[in-house]
Amino acid sequence: MLLEKINTGTNLRLGIILGSTRKGRFGETVAKWFEEIARQDNRFETDLIDLSEFSLPWDMSKDMDSDLSLFSDKIAETDTFVVITPEYNHGYPAYLKLAIDSLHEEWSAKPLGFVSYGGSSGGLRAVEQLRNVFAELRMTTIRDCVSFHWAHARFHNGRPTEEFRYASSAEKLLNELYWWGNVLKQARMNFPGSVLRS
């Protein structure tokens, strides 16, 4: 059971998951901008979780060295999440799916939001698919997200060219995430494991 890993401090732990591991990925630019916005919000203790820093096993049937235990602990100890995802061929990155599927209970009864980027769709097709995946893990996804359409053209020197607009969307996302984070954190503390046993 994961009760001992629930953060009981006043602030919520926010994990910003950088879902792309490609060389030269634009996701780092998006993630660093959002991380800066989140760190200005003193309701959260923010941690950037870069999937490229974890070596997760592709074949779960084999006993092999990996960072799975480290990744498991980091997810279990985190209250809320934001996934930074691109859209690859109308979907989301394969390594992000591997990271999601590598764990189960660690995700349960926690909220998460999305910051997406891509071409004409702004990564929203990837987000729609991820909502279904995370729902199966008993997570609550935030309705509103931050989406960068034609993302490369939306940034200059690491910052959005219409920063006020995107920062306002990020603030709205963080407000909803904080509300859901507190609700679900209390539920996990008062009814540990009840969702997992259903």
Protein backbone atom coordinates (compact mmCIF):
# COMPACT_ATOMS: atom_id res chain seq x y z
CA MET A 1 0.00 0.00 0.00
CA LEU A 2 1.16 3.51 -0.80
CA LEU A 3 -0.18 5.40 2.23
CA GLU A 4 3.29 5.94 3.67
CA LYS A 5 4.32 7.75 0.48
CA ILE A 6 1.50 10.32 0.58
CA ASN A 7 2.83 13.84 1.03
CA THR A 8 1.18 15.27 4.17
CA GLY A 9 2.77 18.74 3.94
CA THR A 10 0.80 21.91 3.27
CA ASN A 11 2.02 22.26 -0.32
CA LEU A 12 1.24 19.79 -3.07
CA ARG A 13 3.98 18.04 -4.97
CA LEU A 14 3.66 18.74 -8.68
CA GLY A 15 5.44 16.49 -11.13
CA ILE A 16 5.94 17.95 -14.60
CA ILE A 17 6.48 14.96 -16.87
CA LEU A 18 8.42 15.70 -20.06
CA GLY A 19 7.04 13.02 -22.35
CA SER A 20 9.33 13.32 -25.38
CA THR A 21 12.74 11.67 -25.36
CA ARG A 22 13.75 12.48 -28.94
CA LYS A 23 17.07 14.11 -29.68
CA GLY A 24 16.56 17.81 -30.40
CA ARG A 25 13.05 17.72 -28.91
CA PHE A 26 11.15 20.98 -28.66
CA GLY A 27 9.53 19.71 -25.47
CA GLU A 28 12.41 21.00 -23.35
CA THR A 29 11.55 24.56 -24.34
CA VAL A 30 7.89 24.08 -23.48
CA ALA A 31 8.66 22.25 -20.24
CA LYS A 32 11.14 24.85 -18.98
CA TRP A 33 8.63 27.63 -19.63
CA PHE A 34 5.83 25.82 -17.81
CA GLU A 35 8.15 24.83 -14.96
CA GLU A 36 9.01 28.51 -14.45
CA ILE A 37 5.30 29.38 -14.29
CA ALA A 38 4.64 26.57 -11.81
CA ARG A 39 7.59 27.47 -9.57
CA GLN A 40 6.11 30.94 -9.12
CA ASP A 41 3.02 29.32 -7.58
CA ASN A 42 3.92 28.73 -3.93
CA ARG A 43 1.10 26.21 -3.50
CA PHE A 44 3.27 23.59 -5.24
CA GLU A 45 6.64 21.96 -4.78
CA THR A 46 7.62 21.48 -8.40
CA ASP A 47 9.73 18.69 -9.87
CA LEU A 48 10.57 18.27 -13.55
CA ILE A 49 10.43 14.56 -14.37
CA ASP A 50 12.33 14.12 -17.63
CA LEU A 51 11.63 10.64 -18.99
CA SER A 52 14.90 10.70 -20.94
CA GLU A 53 16.70 10.42 -17.59
CA PHE A 54 15.10 7.04 -16.80
CA SER A 55 16.03 3.73 -18.34
CA LEU A 56 12.77 1.78 -18.21
CA PRO A 57 12.48 -1.83 -19.39
CA TRP A 58 10.70 -2.33 -22.70
CA ASP A 59 10.24 -6.04 -21.97
CA MET A 60 8.53 -6.35 -18.58
CA SER A 61 8.77 -10.16 -18.72
CA LYS A 62 12.52 -10.10 -18.19
CA ASP A 63 14.45 -9.36 -15.02
CA MET A 64 16.75 -6.55 -16.04
CA ASP A 65 18.46 -3.56 -14.51
CA SER A 66 16.51 -0.35 -14.92
CA ASP A 67 15.41 2.81 -13.14
CA LEU A 68 11.91 1.42 -12.58
CA SER A 69 12.15 1.49 -8.78
CA LEU A 70 13.41 5.08 -8.80
CA PHE A 71 10.66 6.10 -11.20
CA SER A 72 8.04 4.29 -9.09
CA ASP A 73 9.10 6.12 -5.93
CA LYS A 74 9.04 9.50 -7.65
CA ILE A 75 5.52 8.98 -9.02
CA ALA A 76 4.21 7.52 -5.75
CA GLU A 77 5.45 10.51 -3.75
CA THR A 78 3.89 13.07 -6.11
CA ASP A 79 0.39 14.51 -5.55
CA THR A 80 -0.37 16.11 -8.91
CA PHE A 81 0.97 15.93 -12.45
CA VAL A 82 1.23 17.87 -15.67
CA VAL A 83 2.25 15.95 -18.78
CA ILE A 84 4.12 17.85 -21.48
CA THR A 85 3.38 15.97 -24.69
CA PRO A 86 3.96 16.42 -28.40
CA GLU A 87 1.84 14.82 -31.06
CA TYR A 88 3.56 12.22 -33.22
CA ASN A 89 1.48 10.90 -36.14
CA HIS A 90 -1.84 11.70 -34.41
CA GLY A 91 -0.62 10.09 -31.17
CA TYR A 92 1.72 10.52 -28.23
CA PRO A 93 5.29 9.24 -27.74
CA ALA A 94 5.89 5.51 -27.30
CA TYR A 95 8.24 6.04 -24.35
CA LEU A 96 5.56 8.01 -22.54
CA LYS A 97 3.21 5.02 -22.93
CA LEU A 98 5.95 2.75 -21.58
CA ALA A 99 6.39 4.99 -18.54
CA ILE A 100 2.65 5.06 -17.89
CA ASP A 101 2.25 1.30 -18.25
CA SER A 102 5.28 0.54 -16.10
CA LEU A 103 3.33 1.52 -12.97
CA HIS A 104 -0.21 1.15 -11.67
CA GLU A 105 -1.06 1.97 -8.05
CA GLU A 106 1.38 4.87 -8.03
CA TRP A 107 -0.87 6.82 -10.41
CA SER A 108 -4.20 6.03 -8.77
CA ALA A 109 -6.55 8.71 -7.40
CA LYS A 110 -4.39 11.66 -8.46
CA PRO A 111 -5.13 14.56 -10.83
CA LEU A 112 -3.18 15.57 -13.88
CA GLY A 113 -3.28 18.23 -16.55
CA PHE A 114 -1.75 18.58 -19.99
CA VAL A 115 0.49 21.00 -21.84
CA SER A 116 0.62 19.93 -25.48
CA TYR A 117 2.41 21.12 -28.58
CA GLY A 118 2.46 20.24 -32.24
CA GLY A 119 1.38 21.44 -35.66
CA SER A 120 -2.14 22.38 -36.67
CA SER A 121 -3.77 20.42 -33.84
CA GLY A 122 -1.43 21.69 -31.13
CA GLY A 123 -1.01 18.19 -29.76
CA LEU A 124 -4.65 17.91 -28.74
CA ARG A 125 -5.14 14.57 -30.49
CA ALA A 126 -2.40 13.16 -28.28
CA VAL A 127 -4.11 14.63 -25.22
CA GLU A 128 -7.46 13.04 -26.08
CA GLN A 129 -5.82 9.63 -26.27
CA LEU A 130 -3.95 10.17 -23.02
CA ARG A 131 -7.18 11.05 -21.21
CA ASN A 132 -8.49 7.54 -21.95
CA VAL A 133 -5.24 5.91 -20.87
CA PHE A 134 -5.02 7.76 -17.56
CA ALA A 135 -8.72 7.21 -16.82
CA GLU A 136 -8.02 3.47 -16.85
CA LEU A 137 -5.47 4.11 -14.10
CA ARG A 138 -8.14 5.87 -12.01
CA MET A 139 -6.67 9.33 -12.48
CA THR A 140 -8.66 12.55 -12.81
CA THR A 141 -7.72 14.68 -15.81
CA ILE A 142 -8.18 18.44 -15.81
CA ARG A 143 -10.55 19.66 -18.52
CA ASP A 144 -8.62 22.77 -19.56
CA CYS A 145 -5.12 22.48 -20.93
CA VAL A 146 -2.39 24.62 -22.48
CA SER A 147 -1.91 23.92 -26.18
CA PHE A 148 0.68 25.34 -28.57
CA HIS A 149 -0.39 25.11 -32.22
CA TRP A 150 2.53 25.40 -34.65
CA ALA A 151 4.67 25.45 -31.54
CA HIS A 152 8.00 26.48 -33.07
CA ALA A 153 6.41 29.69 -34.34
CA ARG A 154 4.87 30.42 -30.93
CA PHE A 155 8.19 30.74 -29.10
CA HIS A 156 11.05 33.22 -29.31
CA ASN A 157 14.15 32.89 -27.12
CA GLY A 158 12.47 30.23 -25.04
CA ARG A 159 9.30 32.17 -24.31
CA PRO A 160 5.86 32.29 -25.96
CA THR A 161 5.35 35.30 -28.17
CA GLU A 162 1.86 35.71 -26.66
CA GLU A 163 3.00 34.95 -23.13
CA PHE A 164 0.13 36.59 -21.27
CA ARG A 165 -2.38 34.42 -23.11
CA TYR A 166 -0.54 31.18 -22.43
CA ALA A 167 0.38 32.12 -18.87
CA SER A 168 -3.31 32.78 -18.16
CA SER A 169 -4.16 29.30 -19.45
CA ALA A 170 -1.39 27.81 -17.32
CA GLU A 171 -2.69 29.63 -14.23
CA LYS A 172 -6.18 28.29 -14.83
CA LEU A 173 -4.79 24.79 -15.17
CA LEU A 174 -2.80 25.12 -11.94
CA ASN A 175 -5.84 26.44 -10.05
CA GLU A 176 -7.92 23.42 -11.05
CA LEU A 177 -5.02 21.09 -10.37
CA TYR A 178 -4.57 22.50 -6.88
CA TRP A 179 -8.28 22.06 -6.06
CA TRP A 180 -8.39 18.48 -7.31
CA GLY A 181 -5.02 17.76 -5.74
CA ASN A 182 -6.27 18.64 -2.27
CA VAL A 183 -9.55 16.77 -2.69
CA LEU A 184 -7.89 13.58 -3.85
CA LYS A 185 -5.02 13.83 -1.39
CA GLN A 186 -7.48 13.94 1.50
CA ALA A 187 -9.40 11.03 0.01
CA ARG A 188 -6.23 8.94 -0.25
CA MET A 189 -5.35 9.74 3.35
CA ASN A 190 -8.83 9.03 4.75
CA PHE A 191 -9.57 5.96 2.63
CA PRO A 192 -6.18 4.46 1.80
CA GLY A 193 -6.38 1.79 -0.84
CA SER A 194 -10.17 1.88 -1.19
CA VAL A 195 -10.03 2.75 -4.89
CA LEU A 196 -7.32 0.20 -5.52
CA ARG A 197 -9.37 -2.63 -4.00
CA SER A 198 -12.52 -1.94 -6.04
